[in-house]
Protein backbone atom coordinates (compact mmCIF):
# COMPACT_ATOMS: atom_id res chain seq x y z
CA UNK A 1 -13.82 5.89 25.96
CA UNK A 2 -12.17 3.25 22.95
CA UNK A 3 -9.69 0.89 23.82
CA UNK A 4 -6.27 1.40 23.53
CA UNK A 5 -5.42 -0.53 20.31
CA UNK A 6 -2.49 -1.94 18.64
CA UNK A 7 -1.69 -1.17 14.93
CA UNK A 8 1.09 -3.19 13.57
CA UNK A 9 2.99 -0.62 10.21
CA UNK A 10 5.22 -1.78 7.29
CA UNK A 11 7.45 0.92 6.07
CA UNK A 12 7.72 3.20 9.08
CA UNK A 13 10.55 5.07 9.03
CA UNK A 14 9.31 7.35 6.29
CA UNK A 15 6.73 9.15 3.88
CA UNK A 16 3.27 8.20 5.14
CA UNK A 17 4.81 5.46 7.23
CA UNK A 18 6.35 7.53 9.05
CA UNK A 19 3.39 10.26 9.41
CA UNK A 20 0.79 7.49 10.19
CA UNK A 21 3.11 6.03 13.32
CA UNK A 22 3.64 9.71 14.97
CA UNK A 23 -0.13 10.54 13.83
CA UNK A 24 -1.76 6.29 15.75
CA UNK A 25 1.05 7.85 19.14
CA UNK A 26 -0.33 10.75 19.51
CA UNK A 27 -4.01 9.28 19.47
CA UNK A 28 -2.76 7.33 22.19
CA UNK A 29 -2.23 3.46 20.57
CA UNK A 30 0.52 1.80 20.63
CA UNK A 31 2.31 0.65 17.41
CA UNK A 32 4.77 -2.43 15.91
CA UNK A 33 6.92 -0.31 13.70
CA UNK A 34 8.58 -2.45 11.35
CA UNK A 35 11.41 -0.84 9.05
CA UNK A 36 14.70 -1.93 7.22
CA UNK A 37 16.24 1.44 9.64
CA UNK A 38 15.05 0.82 13.15
CA UNK A 39 17.30 3.36 14.28
CA UNK A 40 16.37 6.32 11.96
CA UNK A 41 12.60 5.73 12.55
CA UNK A 42 13.81 5.81 16.91
CA UNK A 43 15.27 9.23 15.92
CA UNK A 44 12.36 10.76 14.33
CA UNK A 45 10.16 9.96 16.85
CA UNK A 46 10.35 12.23 20.00
CA UNK A 47 8.31 10.58 22.73
CA UNK A 48 6.02 7.69 23.17
CA UNK A 49 5.92 6.90 26.16
CA UNK A 50 6.36 3.07 25.60
CA UNK A 51 3.98 2.63 23.40
CA UNK A 52 6.35 1.89 20.69
CA UNK A 53 8.03 -1.32 19.80
CA UNK A 54 10.28 -0.70 16.51
CA UNK A 55 11.25 -3.55 14.80
CA UNK A 56 13.83 -4.59 12.03
CA UNK A 57 12.18 -5.99 9.69
CA UNK A 58 12.76 -7.14 5.77
CA UNK A 59 9.14 -7.93 5.00
CA UNK A 60 9.98 -10.53 1.80
CA UNK A 61 11.31 -12.68 4.37
CA UNK A 62 7.92 -14.43 5.36
CA UNK A 63 10.61 -16.17 8.37
CA UNK A 64 10.85 -12.77 9.83
CA UNK A 65 7.83 -11.47 9.14
CA UNK A 66 6.14 -14.39 11.36
CA UNK A 67 9.04 -13.50 14.28
CA UNK A 68 7.88 -9.91 14.31
CA UNK A 69 4.30 -10.31 14.76
CA UNK A 70 4.72 -13.45 17.22
CA UNK A 71 7.29 -10.55 19.01
CA UNK A 72 4.79 -8.12 18.58
CA UNK A 73 1.89 -10.06 20.37
CA UNK A 74 4.42 -11.11 23.17
CA UNK A 75 5.19 -8.47 24.15
CA UNK A 76 2.09 -5.74 23.28
CA UNK A 77 -0.73 -8.63 23.85
CA UNK A 78 -2.87 -8.34 20.58
CA UNK A 79 -2.83 -6.68 17.09
CA UNK A 80 -6.16 -4.70 16.09
CA UNK A 81 -5.02 -3.01 13.26
CA UNK A 82 -2.59 -4.06 9.69
CA UNK A 83 -1.22 -1.35 7.70
CA UNK A 84 0.66 -2.39 4.63
CA UNK A 85 2.13 0.65 3.59
CA UNK A 86 5.96 -0.34 2.40
CA UNK A 87 6.31 0.16 -0.75
CA UNK A 88 8.86 0.07 -3.76
CA UNK A 89 8.98 1.73 -7.10
CA UNK A 90 10.96 0.85 -10.63
CA UNK A 91 10.92 3.00 -13.26
CA UNK A 92 11.31 1.29 -16.56
CA UNK A 93 9.66 0.58 -20.31
CA UNK A 94 8.68 -2.93 -20.20
CA UNK A 95 11.24 -4.66 -22.74
CA UNK A 96 13.99 -2.91 -20.17
CA UNK A 97 12.96 -4.74 -17.34
CA UNK A 98 14.82 -7.69 -16.37
CA UNK A 99 13.32 -10.02 -14.82
CA UNK A 100 15.38 -9.74 -11.19
CA UNK A 101 13.75 -6.41 -11.33
CA UNK A 102 10.47 -6.73 -12.39
CA UNK A 103 10.21 -10.00 -9.87
CA UNK A 104 11.41 -7.55 -6.45
CA UNK A 105 8.54 -5.31 -7.62
CA UNK A 106 6.50 -7.32 -7.45
CA UNK A 107 8.29 -9.47 -4.25
CA UNK A 108 7.72 -5.92 -1.96
CA UNK A 109 4.68 -4.74 -3.12
CA UNK A 110 2.46 -7.52 -3.30
CA UNK A 111 4.17 -11.23 -2.27
CA UNK A 112 5.61 -9.12 0.64
CA UNK A 113 1.94 -7.87 1.67
CA UNK A 114 0.36 -11.37 1.55
CA UNK A 115 3.67 -12.28 3.74
CA UNK A 116 2.30 -9.93 6.45
CA UNK A 117 -1.76 -11.22 5.76
CA UNK A 118 -0.61 -15.02 6.21
CA UNK A 119 0.65 -14.31 9.04
CA UNK A 120 -1.53 -12.48 11.34
CA UNK A 121 -4.52 -13.72 10.11
CA UNK A 122 -4.36 -16.60 12.40
CA UNK A 123 -4.40 -13.75 15.32
CA UNK A 124 -6.87 -11.75 14.23
CA UNK A 125 -9.23 -14.87 13.54
CA UNK A 126 -8.92 -15.79 17.19
CA UNK A 127 -9.62 -12.67 18.44
CA UNK A 128 -12.93 -12.21 15.71
CA UNK A 129 -11.60 -8.60 15.09
CA UNK A 130 -9.18 -6.54 13.07
CA UNK A 131 -9.08 -4.22 10.52
CA UNK A 132 -6.28 -4.85 7.35
CA UNK A 133 -5.51 -1.13 5.59
CA UNK A 134 -3.36 -1.90 2.24
CA UNK A 135 -2.05 0.81 0.64
CA UNK A 136 -2.13 0.36 -2.87
CA UNK A 137 -2.38 3.23 -5.64
CA UNK A 138 -3.91 5.09 -8.08
CA UNK A 139 -1.22 3.75 -10.88
CA UNK A 140 -3.77 0.29 -9.66
CA UNK A 141 -6.31 1.85 -11.50
CA UNK A 142 -4.14 2.91 -14.25
CA UNK A 143 -0.97 3.57 -16.06
CA UNK A 144 1.41 5.32 -17.68
CA UNK A 145 4.76 4.56 -19.65
CA UNK A 146 7.46 3.11 -17.80
CA UNK A 147 5.24 2.58 -14.55
CA UNK A 148 4.47 -0.78 -16.02
CA UNK A 149 5.66 -3.35 -13.06
CA UNK A 150 4.45 -0.30 -10.49
CA UNK A 151 1.24 -0.85 -12.14
CA UNK A 152 0.74 -4.82 -11.67
CA UNK A 153 1.92 -5.34 -8.60
CA UNK A 154 -0.45 -2.32 -7.33
CA UNK A 155 -3.43 -3.72 -9.83
CA UNK A 156 -2.47 -7.02 -7.71
CA UNK A 157 -3.34 -5.61 -4.33
CA UNK A 158 -6.13 -4.26 -5.54
CA UNK A 159 -7.07 -7.53 -6.84
CA UNK A 160 -6.40 -9.82 -3.76
CA UNK A 161 -7.57 -6.88 -1.37
CA UNK A 162 -10.81 -7.49 -2.91
CA UNK A 163 -10.53 -11.43 -2.67
CA UNK A 164 -9.38 -10.67 1.37
CA UNK A 165 -12.25 -8.79 2.47
CA UNK A 166 -14.96 -11.59 1.02
CA UNK A 167 -12.52 -14.57 2.57
CA UNK A 168 -11.99 -12.38 6.56
CA UNK A 169 -15.38 -10.49 6.88
CA UNK A 170 -17.14 -13.87 8.53
CA UNK A 171 -14.77 -13.55 11.52
CA UNK A 172 -15.55 -10.03 11.82
CA UNK A 173 -12.00 -8.56 10.13
CA UNK A 174 -12.40 -5.69 7.66
CA UNK A 175 -10.13 -4.51 5.15
CA UNK A 176 -9.36 -1.56 3.95
CA UNK A 177 -7.76 -0.60 0.17
CA UNK A 178 -6.35 3.10 0.22
CA UNK A 179 -5.26 4.37 -3.23
CA UNK A 180 -3.46 7.35 -3.08
CA UNK A 181 -2.72 10.01 -5.56
CA UNK A 182 1.07 12.16 -4.83
CA UNK A 183 1.59 13.01 -2.11
CA UNK A 184 5.34 15.43 -0.50
CA UNK A 185 7.19 12.44 0.41
CA UNK A 186 10.54 11.05 -0.74
CA UNK A 187 8.67 9.14 -2.83
CA UNK A 188 9.57 10.93 -6.46
CA UNK A 189 12.58 12.15 -4.96
CA UNK A 190 15.20 10.99 -6.73
CA UNK A 191 17.84 9.50 -3.70
CA UNK A 192 14.46 7.00 -3.51
CA UNK A 193 13.88 6.29 -6.72
CA UNK A 194 14.95 2.79 -8.63
CA UNK A 195 15.25 2.86 -12.49
CA UNK A 196 16.00 0.21 -14.97
CA UNK A 197 19.73 -0.84 -14.87
CA UNK A 198 18.67 -1.81 -18.87
CA UNK A 199 17.87 1.50 -21.09
CA UNK A 200 17.04 1.36 -24.41
CA UNK A 201 17.79 4.59 -26.17
CA UNK A 202 14.52 4.07 -28.46
CA UNK A 203 12.28 4.82 -25.09
CA UNK A 204 14.40 7.72 -23.79
CA UNK A 205 14.02 6.58 -20.45
CA UNK A 206 15.89 9.51 -19.17
CA UNK A 207 13.56 12.19 -20.06
CA UNK A 208 10.43 9.75 -18.66
CA UNK A 209 12.13 9.67 -15.42
CA UNK A 210 12.52 13.78 -15.47
CA UNK A 211 9.39 14.11 -15.97
CA UNK A 212 8.09 11.69 -12.86
CA UNK A 213 10.80 13.50 -10.97
CA UNK A 214 9.38 16.77 -11.70
CA UNK A 215 6.97 16.70 -9.68
CA UNK A 216 8.90 16.41 -6.54
CA UNK A 217 7.75 18.97 -3.46
CA UNK A 218 4.94 19.40 -6.11
CA UNK A 219 2.67 16.18 -5.07
CA UNK A 220 -1.33 18.24 -4.31
CA UNK A 221 -1.21 15.58 -1.19
CA UNK A 222 -0.54 16.40 2.52
CA UNK A 223 1.03 13.07 4.50
CA UNK A 224 -0.31 14.08 7.60
CA UNK A 225 -3.39 14.49 6.47
CA UNK A 226 -3.20 10.94 4.76
CA UNK A 227 -2.24 9.84 8.24
CA UNK A 228 -5.31 11.45 10.02
CA UNK A 229 -7.19 9.68 7.64
CA UNK A 230 -5.93 6.59 8.64
CA UNK A 231 -6.60 6.88 12.27
CA UNK A 232 -9.93 7.55 11.84
CA UNK A 233 -10.39 4.73 9.56
CA UNK A 234 -9.71 2.24 12.75
CA UNK A 235 -12.22 4.13 14.88
CA UNK A 236 -14.93 3.44 11.90
CA UNK A 237 -17.71 0.65 12.56
CA UNK A 238 -18.52 0.03 8.62
CA UNK A 239 -14.78 1.32 6.83
CA UNK A 240 -15.18 1.22 3.01
CA UNK A 241 -13.66 -1.53 1.30
CA UNK A 242 -12.50 1.24 -1.55
CA UNK A 243 -10.83 4.94 -0.74
CA UNK A 244 -8.92 6.98 -3.03
CA UNK A 245 -7.42 9.36 -1.29
CA UNK A 246 -6.58 13.31 -2.99
CA UNK A 247 -8.33 14.66 -5.40
CA UNK A 248 -5.98 13.60 -8.39
CA UNK A 249 -6.34 10.11 -7.79
CA UNK A 250 -10.24 10.56 -6.62
CA UNK A 251 -10.75 12.14 -10.64
CA UNK A 252 -8.67 9.71 -12.31
CA UNK A 253 -10.08 7.23 -11.10
CA UNK A 254 -13.97 8.57 -11.88
CA UNK A 255 -11.95 9.66 -15.52
CA UNK A 256 -10.83 6.20 -15.91
CA UNK A 257 -13.61 4.45 -15.61
CA UNK A 258 -15.78 6.64 -17.13
CA UNK A 259 -13.66 6.13 -20.67
CA UNK A 260 -13.83 2.00 -19.70
CA UNK A 261 -17.66 2.42 -19.84
CA UNK A 262 -17.85 4.05 -22.74
CA UNK A 263 -14.76 2.00 -24.53
CA UNK A 264 -17.00 -0.90 -23.50
CA UNK A 265 -20.63 0.63 -24.60
CA UNK A 266 -18.84 1.06 -28.10
CA UNK A 267 -17.35 -2.40 -28.56
CA UNK A 268 -20.96 -3.72 -26.95
CA UNK A 269 -21.54 -6.20 -29.99
CA UNK A 270 -18.20 -7.80 -30.41
CA UNK A 271 -18.28 -8.81 -26.67
CA UNK A 272 -21.51 -10.12 -26.79
CA UNK A 273 -21.24 -12.00 -30.09
CA UNK A 274 -19.38 -15.12 -28.07
CA UNK A 275 -22.22 -16.59 -25.89
CA UNK A 276 -24.15 -19.68 -27.34
CA UNK A 277 -26.93 -18.96 -28.67
CA UNK A 278 -29.92 -18.97 -26.22
CA UNK A 279 -32.54 -21.73 -27.66
C-alpha cells in the first residue's frame, strides 16, 4: 500500500490547481493548498477529512512563501510533491507593454516559482526524496502576437526546470515540466483576462483579445483528466521530465520542432561558418 503523500499546490482555488487538489484529496493524500483567496477554495471542496491545509499566500512575497512551507511541514509533517501551478497571463504586443506589466508576468510565472523551489528544497534534500511539478505551457515552445510576455515567462520555466532537474537528481528529487495546451478553465474567460493598458491602434489589440477569448468554452482539454495525470505522475518511480498535455500541445510542439529543424538545415552553411579553421 502506498504511503499517504503530502502535496504543496499553488493557485489551488480555481482552474487546474483546484482540479489537482480535488484529485489528490480523493486519492487519500494530504494537500497544503495555497491561494490568495482561501475562502473560495474551502467553499469549493466539500469533504477533506482533515487532509486539507488551506494557506492564504501571495507567492510573489518570498517571506510569505517561506512561512507557508514551514507551517505546512509543522502541521502535516513533510512535503512530498510540489505543484507550481499558479500563473498569470497578460495580452499585449511588445510595444504596448509597460515595464511594470511585463515584470508582473515574470514575477508571478517565474520568480514566484523560484521562491517556492528555493524554500522547499532544503526539506526535500534532507529527506532525499520529492517531486517538483512545474506547469509551463505549450506557449513555452512557441509564441503568437500579443502573447510575448506570457511566452517569455513559460520559456523561462522550461529552461529553469531543465537545469533544476540536473541539479537535484543526485538528492533523489524528481522534476516534471507539464506543458498543457488549451484546457476548459477560466483562463480564457474575459473576467480573468489581463490586457495591456497602453493600446496602440496600429496593432488592434481588441481584435487579438477577441480571438483569444473566442476559444473560451471550446478548449480541447479536460482539466479533470489533467488532474488525474498529475496524480499518477507522483506515483511513478521514473516520471518524464517533459510532458505535453493535450493533443493541441503535443502536435504543435512536434510541428514547431520540425519547422525549426528545416530552417536550421536551410542555413547550416552560415551556422557552421563561424568556427575557427581546423588545423
